[in-house]
Amino acid sequence: MSEDRRLDVLRAIVQDYVRTSEPVGSKSLLERHQLGVSAATVRNDMAALEEEGLITAPHTSAGRIPTDAGYRLFVDRLQQIKPMSRAERAAIARFLDGAVDLDDVVSRTTRLLSSLTHQVAVMQYPSLSRSTLRHVELVPVGGTRLMIVLIASTGRVEQRVVETGRDLTDEPEAVAQLRALVNELAVGELLAQVPARLAAVEDRVRHADRGVARIVVDALAEAAQERTDERIAMAGTANLARVGSDFPTSLSQVLEALEEHVVLLRLMGSMALVDDAQAVTVSIGAENPYEPLRTTSVVATTYGAAGGLGVVGPTRMDYPQAMATVRAVAHYVADILDG
């Protein structure tokens, strides 16, 4: 049997099963696809695919469905991820460009992914540890208090109000000089490197301003630290109910696992550990390290160097479409957050 022909048969079975959710028989394959071979040849090819563990019979019928291994071979043999159309890309850009802040970007991204793929969309909030410093603002807020605003490259904002012990409302030049110096030394640096970069601030300001400088540097060092409450945003869990038959006994377990954000953070983090920042990773069924998610597939990528996003759904998933959508949306999110 020709390996190319066998892969054509597997591809056709995957495509038909994803579309119809019904087991696929040799007769329907010949009717729907231009395989160029006889019914007997298709039956032989299907028998060989079943022997190799790539398809299986869900019950005593002539139809077959892909196994996890069959989906894996199908995904691995995709020649390339089909790009989205110009109209689709323009629609994504328009929708995401309307975001007003980071929370809005995350909310729009998950809703968009869920809508386009009909799966559960998951997005990790940008990680401070992989962000760079975009800007620091110092604002006197009355009396001896000073507001310190740290803006990361991902759009994430950390804010502190500190007590300086000195009335700065009548000293705009001192505040402006300290602001300029802090930005000169630290803008563009990874947030983890900000405290070290700001160590020289005290030595570069007037002696009378060193106390305020020390307070500002300490507050920025605290703001630059990674928060322990890493967050996940999610949309489209109702889509799982639409394909409830794909989870005959495990839907409640899948839903419970999706509510465990720690599990999702670890899952997204492990799938993002790839050398190619543009790569889309696919984890299918039993490949997932978490038992409740072993009836699902996860398609994920990173957006820039900030975090991960992707979709979770049944193994009966339109992988080419999901992969193209996840990659395209991640590209636009990275552009927005880096802009």
Protein backbone atom coordinates (compact mmCIF):
# COMPACT_ATOMS: atom_id res chain seq x y z
CA MET A 1 0.00 0.00 0.00
CA SER A 2 1.27 3.44 -0.92
CA GLU A 3 2.09 5.50 2.17
CA ASP A 4 0.91 8.66 0.41
CA ARG A 5 -2.41 7.02 -0.43
CA ARG A 6 -2.80 5.76 3.12
CA LEU A 7 -2.23 9.29 4.41
CA ASP A 8 -4.81 10.58 1.93
CA VAL A 9 -7.33 8.10 3.31
CA LEU A 10 -6.49 9.07 6.91
CA ARG A 11 -6.76 12.75 6.04
CA ALA A 12 -10.16 12.18 4.46
CA ILE A 13 -11.39 10.24 7.50
CA VAL A 14 -10.25 12.99 9.87
CA GLN A 15 -11.85 15.73 7.77
CA ASP A 16 -15.17 13.90 7.43
CA TYR A 17 -15.34 12.89 11.09
CA VAL A 18 -14.54 16.42 12.28
CA ARG A 19 -17.27 17.79 10.03
CA THR A 20 -20.02 15.22 10.67
CA SER A 21 -19.11 13.60 14.02
CA GLU A 22 -20.23 10.32 12.41
CA PRO A 23 -17.99 7.27 11.85
CA VAL A 24 -16.68 7.24 8.30
CA GLY A 25 -17.08 4.30 5.94
CA SER A 26 -15.34 3.44 2.68
CA LYS A 27 -18.45 4.22 0.61
CA SER A 28 -18.76 7.77 1.94
CA LEU A 29 -15.01 8.33 1.44
CA LEU A 30 -15.33 7.46 -2.24
CA GLU A 31 -18.38 9.68 -2.63
CA ARG A 32 -16.87 12.73 -0.93
CA HIS A 33 -13.23 12.54 -1.96
CA GLN A 34 -11.37 12.05 -5.22
CA LEU A 35 -9.17 9.19 -4.03
CA GLY A 36 -8.77 7.64 -7.47
CA VAL A 37 -8.91 4.04 -6.25
CA SER A 38 -11.48 1.27 -5.94
CA ALA A 39 -13.71 0.58 -2.94
CA ALA A 40 -11.72 -2.59 -2.23
CA THR A 41 -8.48 -0.62 -2.13
CA VAL A 42 -9.97 1.92 0.29
CA ARG A 43 -11.21 -0.91 2.54
CA ASN A 44 -7.73 -2.45 2.52
CA ASP A 45 -6.17 0.91 3.35
CA MET A 46 -8.62 1.39 6.22
CA ALA A 47 -7.84 -2.06 7.55
CA ALA A 48 -4.12 -1.26 7.51
CA LEU A 49 -4.73 2.10 9.25
CA GLU A 50 -6.75 0.31 11.92
CA GLU A 51 -4.02 -2.27 12.41
CA GLU A 52 -1.54 0.57 12.95
CA GLY A 53 -3.78 2.10 15.60
CA LEU A 54 -4.57 5.24 13.58
CA ILE A 55 -8.32 4.63 13.26
CA THR A 56 -10.77 2.52 15.22
CA ALA A 57 -14.36 1.28 15.12
CA PRO A 58 -16.42 2.88 17.92
CA HIS A 59 -18.98 0.09 17.62
CA THR A 60 -19.85 -2.77 15.32
CA SER A 61 -20.36 -0.84 12.10
CA ALA A 62 -18.49 -0.23 8.88
CA GLY A 63 -17.49 3.26 9.98
CA ARG A 64 -14.18 4.27 11.54
CA ILE A 65 -13.02 7.27 13.55
CA PRO A 66 -9.49 8.61 14.13
CA THR A 67 -7.58 7.71 17.28
CA ASP A 68 -5.32 10.14 19.15
CA ALA A 69 -2.43 8.66 17.17
CA GLY A 70 -4.33 9.24 13.93
CA TYR A 71 -4.94 12.88 14.80
CA ARG A 72 -1.28 13.23 15.73
CA LEU A 73 -0.10 11.88 12.38
CA PHE A 74 -2.61 14.11 10.60
CA VAL A 75 -1.33 17.22 12.42
CA ASP A 76 2.33 16.27 11.99
CA ARG A 77 1.88 15.76 8.25
CA LEU A 78 0.23 19.11 7.62
CA GLN A 79 2.46 20.67 4.99
CA GLN A 80 1.88 24.11 6.42
CA ILE A 81 -0.67 26.07 8.38
CA LYS A 82 -3.02 27.60 5.86
CA PRO A 83 -2.97 31.40 6.30
CA MET A 84 -6.19 33.19 7.03
CA SER A 85 -7.74 35.26 4.29
CA ARG A 86 -7.08 38.99 4.03
CA ALA A 87 -10.67 39.70 5.10
CA GLU A 88 -10.34 37.45 8.14
CA ARG A 89 -7.06 39.09 9.17
CA ALA A 90 -8.58 42.56 8.74
CA ALA A 91 -11.54 41.59 10.92
CA ILE A 92 -9.22 40.34 13.66
CA ALA A 93 -7.15 43.52 13.52
CA ARG A 94 -10.22 45.78 13.69
CA PHE A 95 -11.67 43.94 16.66
CA LEU A 96 -8.45 43.90 18.69
CA ASP A 97 -7.43 47.46 17.78
CA GLY A 98 -10.50 48.74 19.61
CA ALA A 99 -9.14 47.61 23.00
CA VAL A 100 -8.64 50.39 25.53
CA ASP A 101 -6.39 48.68 28.10
CA LEU A 102 -4.74 45.35 28.92
CA ASP A 103 -7.85 43.80 30.48
CA ASP A 104 -9.81 44.75 27.38
CA VAL A 105 -7.14 43.23 25.12
CA VAL A 106 -7.33 39.95 27.04
CA SER A 107 -11.13 39.93 27.11
CA ARG A 108 -11.41 40.69 23.40
CA THR A 109 -8.77 38.08 22.53
CA THR A 110 -10.46 35.22 24.35
CA ARG A 111 -13.90 36.14 23.01
CA LEU A 112 -12.53 36.40 19.48
CA LEU A 113 -10.68 33.08 19.66
CA SER A 114 -13.72 31.33 21.06
CA SER A 115 -15.98 32.81 18.40
CA LEU A 116 -13.68 31.93 15.49
CA THR A 117 -12.81 28.38 16.56
CA HIS A 118 -15.95 27.37 18.50
CA GLN A 119 -13.65 26.06 21.23
CA VAL A 120 -12.77 27.21 24.73
CA ALA A 121 -10.27 30.06 24.46
CA VAL A 122 -7.59 30.48 27.11
CA MET A 123 -5.12 33.34 27.51
CA GLN A 124 -2.39 33.83 30.05
CA TYR A 125 -1.99 37.41 31.24
CA PRO A 126 1.38 38.88 30.20
CA SER A 127 4.19 37.78 32.48
CA LEU A 128 6.13 40.59 34.11
CA SER A 129 9.29 38.49 34.18
CA ARG A 130 9.37 38.47 30.36
CA SER A 131 8.37 42.12 29.99
CA THR A 132 10.55 45.16 29.54
CA LEU A 133 10.08 48.58 31.06
CA ARG A 134 8.29 51.01 28.75
CA HIS A 135 8.00 54.06 31.02
CA VAL A 136 7.99 55.27 34.61
CA GLU A 137 5.87 58.22 35.67
CA LEU A 138 6.22 60.13 38.96
CA VAL A 139 3.25 62.24 40.03
CA PRO A 140 3.00 64.29 43.26
CA VAL A 141 -0.48 63.62 44.67
CA GLY A 142 -0.56 66.14 47.47
CA GLY A 143 1.63 66.91 50.43
CA THR A 144 4.42 64.43 50.88
CA ARG A 145 2.92 61.61 48.82
CA LEU A 146 4.20 60.57 45.41
CA MET A 147 2.49 58.24 42.92
CA ILE A 148 4.85 55.93 41.04
CA VAL A 149 3.51 54.32 37.87
CA LEU A 150 5.44 51.53 36.12
CA ILE A 151 4.29 50.68 32.59
CA ALA A 152 5.57 47.42 31.08
CA SER A 153 6.00 46.66 27.39
CA THR A 154 2.96 44.37 27.56
CA GLY A 155 0.72 47.20 28.71
CA ARG A 156 0.67 45.93 32.26
CA VAL A 157 0.63 48.77 34.80
CA GLU A 158 1.90 48.65 38.37
CA GLN A 159 1.12 51.60 40.61
CA ARG A 160 2.39 52.59 44.05
CA VAL A 161 1.76 55.63 46.27
CA VAL A 162 4.67 56.26 48.63
CA GLU A 163 5.31 58.59 51.53
CA THR A 164 8.44 60.63 50.85
CA GLY A 165 8.54 62.72 54.03
CA ARG A 166 8.95 65.80 51.86
CA ASP A 167 6.46 68.12 50.19
CA LEU A 168 7.14 67.80 46.45
CA THR A 169 4.22 69.82 45.12
CA ASP A 170 6.40 72.92 44.92
CA GLU A 171 9.42 71.08 43.51
CA PRO A 172 8.41 70.03 39.99
CA GLU A 173 11.99 70.27 38.73
CA ALA A 174 13.28 67.76 41.29
CA VAL A 175 10.51 65.32 40.37
CA ALA A 176 11.10 65.83 36.64
CA GLN A 177 14.85 65.25 36.96
CA LEU A 178 14.34 62.06 38.98
CA ARG A 179 11.75 60.82 36.46
CA ALA A 180 14.10 61.50 33.54
CA LEU A 181 17.00 59.74 35.25
CA VAL A 182 14.96 56.65 36.12
CA ASN A 183 13.69 56.34 32.55
CA GLU A 184 17.17 56.94 31.10
CA LEU A 185 18.64 54.10 33.13
CA ALA A 186 15.87 51.50 32.95
CA VAL A 187 13.60 51.91 29.91
CA GLY A 188 13.94 48.90 27.61
CA GLU A 189 15.39 46.67 30.31
CA LEU A 190 13.79 43.42 31.42
CA LEU A 191 11.83 44.13 34.59
CA ALA A 192 13.98 41.65 36.49
CA GLN A 193 16.99 43.83 35.65
CA VAL A 194 15.38 47.13 36.68
CA PRO A 195 16.51 47.11 40.34
CA ALA A 196 20.15 46.59 39.32
CA ARG A 197 19.93 49.30 36.67
CA LEU A 198 18.51 51.78 39.19
CA ALA A 199 21.23 51.16 41.77
CA ALA A 200 23.12 54.15 40.38
CA VAL A 201 20.24 56.60 40.81
CA GLU A 202 21.18 57.81 44.29
CA ASP A 203 24.72 58.68 43.22
CA ARG A 204 23.44 60.75 40.28
CA VAL A 205 21.04 63.07 42.10
CA ARG A 206 21.69 65.95 44.46
CA HIS A 207 22.48 64.97 48.02
CA ALA A 208 19.23 66.59 49.19
CA ASP A 209 17.22 64.38 46.79
CA ARG A 210 18.79 61.05 47.71
CA GLY A 211 16.19 60.13 50.31
CA VAL A 212 13.36 60.52 47.81
CA ALA A 213 15.39 58.70 45.16
CA ARG A 214 15.92 55.74 47.49
CA ILE A 215 12.18 55.51 48.22
CA VAL A 216 11.35 55.64 44.49
CA VAL A 217 13.93 52.99 43.59
CA ASP A 218 12.70 50.64 46.34
CA ALA A 219 9.08 51.06 45.20
CA LEU A 220 10.01 50.35 41.58
CA ALA A 221 11.98 47.26 42.60
CA GLU A 222 8.89 45.95 44.39
CA ALA A 223 6.62 46.81 41.45
CA ALA A 224 8.94 45.04 39.01
CA GLN A 225 8.74 41.74 40.86
CA GLU A 226 6.58 38.99 39.35
CA ARG A 227 3.24 38.77 41.07
CA THR A 228 2.30 35.37 42.45
CA ASP A 229 -1.33 35.68 41.32
CA GLU A 230 -0.67 34.92 37.65
CA ARG A 231 -4.01 35.08 35.91
CA ILE A 232 -5.76 33.18 33.16
CA ALA A 233 -8.69 34.50 31.14
CA MET A 234 -11.13 32.13 29.49
CA ALA A 235 -14.14 32.33 27.19
CA GLY A 236 -16.43 29.90 25.42
CA THR A 237 -16.89 27.09 27.93
CA ALA A 238 -20.46 26.81 26.63
CA ASN A 239 -18.96 25.49 23.38
CA LEU A 240 -18.18 22.24 25.21
CA ALA A 241 -21.89 21.66 25.79
CA ARG A 242 -22.43 21.98 22.04
CA VAL A 243 -20.17 18.95 21.52
CA GLY A 244 -21.16 17.11 24.69
CA SER A 245 -21.32 13.83 22.79
CA ASP A 246 -17.52 14.05 22.42
CA PHE A 247 -17.30 13.79 26.22
CA PRO A 248 -19.78 11.01 27.03
CA THR A 249 -18.45 10.51 30.58
CA SER A 250 -15.87 13.22 31.15
CA LEU A 251 -17.48 16.62 30.47
CA SER A 252 -17.81 17.49 34.16
CA GLN A 253 -14.17 16.57 34.75
CA VAL A 254 -13.05 18.74 31.84
CA LEU A 255 -15.07 21.69 33.13
CA GLU A 256 -13.63 21.26 36.62
CA ALA A 257 -10.10 21.15 35.19
CA LEU A 258 -10.70 24.35 33.23
CA GLU A 259 -11.71 26.06 36.46
CA GLU A 260 -8.33 25.17 37.97
CA HIS A 261 -6.31 28.10 36.66
CA VAL A 262 -3.09 26.70 38.12
CA VAL A 263 -3.50 23.67 35.86
CA LEU A 264 -4.07 25.88 32.84
CA LEU A 265 -1.08 28.09 33.68
CA ARG A 266 1.18 25.06 33.87
CA LEU A 267 -0.27 23.60 30.70
CA MET A 268 0.14 26.83 28.73
CA GLY A 269 3.63 27.29 30.15
CA SER A 270 4.77 23.79 29.20
CA MET A 271 3.40 24.13 25.66
CA ALA A 272 5.13 27.49 25.23
CA LEU A 273 8.57 25.98 25.82
CA VAL A 274 9.54 25.85 22.16
CA ASP A 275 12.46 27.45 20.38
CA ASP A 276 10.38 28.98 17.60
CA ALA A 277 8.28 31.84 18.96
CA GLN A 278 6.01 31.53 15.89
CA ALA A 279 5.35 27.82 16.45
CA VAL A 280 1.90 26.52 17.26
CA THR A 281 1.98 23.47 19.52
CA VAL A 282 -0.75 20.84 19.61
CA SER A 283 -1.31 18.43 22.49
CA ILE A 284 -3.78 15.66 21.64
CA GLY A 285 -5.76 13.52 24.06
CA ALA A 286 -3.52 11.30 26.15
CA GLU A 287 -0.54 13.54 25.38
CA ASN A 288 -1.93 16.04 27.90
CA PRO A 289 -0.17 15.62 31.25
CA TYR A 290 -3.34 16.26 33.28
CA GLU A 291 -5.74 13.34 33.55
CA PRO A 292 -9.03 15.30 33.31
CA LEU A 293 -7.89 16.89 30.03
CA ARG A 294 -6.94 13.64 28.30
CA THR A 295 -10.15 13.65 26.31
CA THR A 296 -9.32 17.10 24.92
CA SER A 297 -6.83 18.68 22.56
CA VAL A 298 -5.00 21.94 23.23
CA VAL A 299 -3.71 24.23 20.46
CA ALA A 300 -1.45 26.96 21.83
CA THR A 301 1.29 29.43 21.05
CA THR A 302 2.99 32.44 22.60
CA TYR A 303 2.28 36.07 21.82
CA GLY A 304 5.68 37.71 21.60
CA ALA A 305 7.61 36.85 24.74
CA ALA A 306 4.79 37.78 27.07
CA GLY A 307 2.63 34.71 27.61
CA GLY A 308 0.58 31.98 26.02
CA LEU A 309 -2.83 31.72 24.42
CA GLY A 310 -4.75 28.96 22.74
CA VAL A 311 -7.88 26.87 22.59
CA VAL A 312 -9.10 23.73 24.34
CA GLY A 313 -11.67 21.44 22.80
CA PRO A 314 -12.48 17.84 21.90
CA THR A 315 -9.96 15.77 19.99
CA ARG A 316 -12.49 15.96 17.13
CA MET A 317 -11.23 19.42 16.31
CA ASP A 318 -10.61 21.26 13.05
CA TYR A 319 -6.86 21.39 13.66
CA PRO A 320 -5.79 23.36 10.56
CA GLN A 321 -8.38 26.07 11.26
CA ALA A 322 -7.63 26.20 14.99
CA MET A 323 -3.87 26.39 14.40
CA ALA A 324 -4.21 29.16 11.80
CA THR A 325 -6.54 31.17 14.03
CA VAL A 326 -4.44 30.84 17.16
CA ARG A 327 -1.31 31.90 15.28
CA ALA A 328 -3.00 34.87 13.59
CA VAL A 329 -4.60 36.17 16.79
CA ALA A 330 -1.32 35.80 18.71
CA HIS A 331 0.44 37.84 16.03
CA TYR A 332 -1.99 40.74 16.38
CA VAL A 333 -1.97 40.60 20.18
CA ALA A 334 1.83 40.80 20.17
CA ASP A 335 1.72 43.81 17.84
CA ILE A 336 -0.78 45.60 20.08
CA LEU A 337 1.12 44.97 23.30
CA ASP A 338 4.49 45.81 21.80
CA GLY A 339 3.20 48.92 20.07
